[in-house]
């Protein structure tokens, strides 16, 4: 993710949206949301478990 941001020559805070596409398993979803949060915590929207 850091490399993609660097390649795009943007700052994480410049992002308005992020399209995530993990494998929809609890483990991969958690890894993906943690990676997103490390880059820009404001992009992480926390929802209560259903």
C-alpha atoms as a PDB file:
ATOM      1  CA  UNK A   1       0.000   0.000   0.000  1.00  0.00           C
ATOM      2  CA  UNK A   2       2.863   2.385   0.801  1.00  0.00           C
ATOM      3  CA  UNK A   3       4.407   1.673  -2.583  1.00  0.00           C
ATOM      4  CA  UNK A   4       1.142   2.299  -4.419  1.00  0.00           C
ATOM      5  CA  UNK A   5       0.742   5.640  -2.647  1.00  0.00           C
ATOM      6  CA  UNK A   6       4.321   6.585  -3.513  1.00  0.00           C
ATOM      7  CA  UNK A   7       3.875   5.517  -7.146  1.00  0.00           C
ATOM      8  CA  UNK A   8       0.742   7.641  -7.420  1.00  0.00           C
ATOM      9  CA  UNK A   9       2.612  10.630  -5.954  1.00  0.00           C
ATOM     10  CA  UNK A  10      -0.224  11.413  -3.525  1.00  0.00           C
ATOM     11  CA  UNK A  11      -0.544  11.653   0.232  1.00  0.00           C
ATOM     12  CA  UNK A  12      -2.805   9.230   2.111  1.00  0.00           C
ATOM     13  CA  UNK A  13      -4.910  12.156   3.331  1.00  0.00           C
ATOM     14  CA  UNK A  14      -5.630  13.080  -0.305  1.00  0.00           C
ATOM     15  CA  UNK A  15      -7.788   9.962  -0.723  1.00  0.00           C
ATOM     16  CA  UNK A  16     -11.544  10.434  -0.644  1.00  0.00           C
ATOM     17  CA  UNK A  17     -12.301   6.738  -0.876  1.00  0.00           C
ATOM     18  CA  UNK A  18     -10.618   3.377  -0.917  1.00  0.00           C
ATOM     19  CA  UNK A  19     -11.960   0.273  -2.612  1.00  0.00           C
ATOM     20  CA  UNK A  20     -11.055  -2.770  -0.559  1.00  0.00           C
ATOM     21  CA  UNK A  21     -11.276  -6.304  -1.889  1.00  0.00           C
ATOM     22  CA  UNK A  22     -10.035  -8.827   0.647  1.00  0.00           C
ATOM     23  CA  UNK A  23     -11.239 -12.393   0.474  1.00  0.00           C
ATOM     24  CA  UNK A  24     -14.054 -11.671   2.941  1.00  0.00           C
ATOM     25  CA  UNK A  25     -12.715 -13.861   5.687  1.00  0.00           C
ATOM     26  CA  UNK A  26     -12.322 -12.549   9.230  1.00  0.00           C
ATOM     27  CA  UNK A  27      -8.539 -12.914   9.052  1.00  0.00           C
ATOM     28  CA  UNK A  28      -8.035 -11.205   5.688  1.00  0.00           C
ATOM     29  CA  UNK A  29     -10.571  -8.473   6.448  1.00  0.00           C
ATOM     30  CA  UNK A  30      -8.742  -7.660   9.681  1.00  0.00           C
ATOM     31  CA  UNK A  31      -5.366  -7.555   7.917  1.00  0.00           C
ATOM     32  CA  UNK A  32      -6.765  -5.273   5.231  1.00  0.00           C
ATOM     33  CA  UNK A  33      -8.433  -2.837   7.617  1.00  0.00           C
ATOM     34  CA  UNK A  34      -5.278  -2.675   9.728  1.00  0.00           C
ATOM     35  CA  UNK A  35      -3.185  -1.868   6.646  1.00  0.00           C
ATOM     36  CA  UNK A  36      -5.631   0.837   5.615  1.00  0.00           C
ATOM     37  CA  UNK A  37      -5.595   2.290   9.114  1.00  0.00           C
ATOM     38  CA  UNK A  38      -1.808   2.438   9.140  1.00  0.00           C
ATOM     39  CA  UNK A  39      -1.902   4.570   6.002  1.00  0.00           C
ATOM     40  CA  UNK A  40      -4.832   6.829   6.843  1.00  0.00           C
ATOM     41  CA  UNK A  41      -6.904   6.211   9.939  1.00  0.00           C
ATOM     42  CA  UNK A  42      -9.589   8.633   8.733  1.00  0.00           C
ATOM     43  CA  UNK A  43     -10.485   6.149   5.980  1.00  0.00           C
ATOM     44  CA  UNK A  44     -11.373   3.488   8.531  1.00  0.00           C
ATOM     45  CA  UNK A  45     -15.047   3.420   9.426  1.00  0.00           C
ATOM     46  CA  UNK A  46     -15.791   1.177  12.348  1.00  0.00           C
ATOM     47  CA  UNK A  47     -19.077  -0.732  12.369  1.00  0.00           C
ATOM     48  CA  UNK A  48     -20.426  -2.866  15.169  1.00  0.00           C
ATOM     49  CA  UNK A  49     -20.451  -6.569  14.387  1.00  0.00           C
ATOM     50  CA  UNK A  50     -23.762  -7.817  13.096  1.00  0.00           C
END
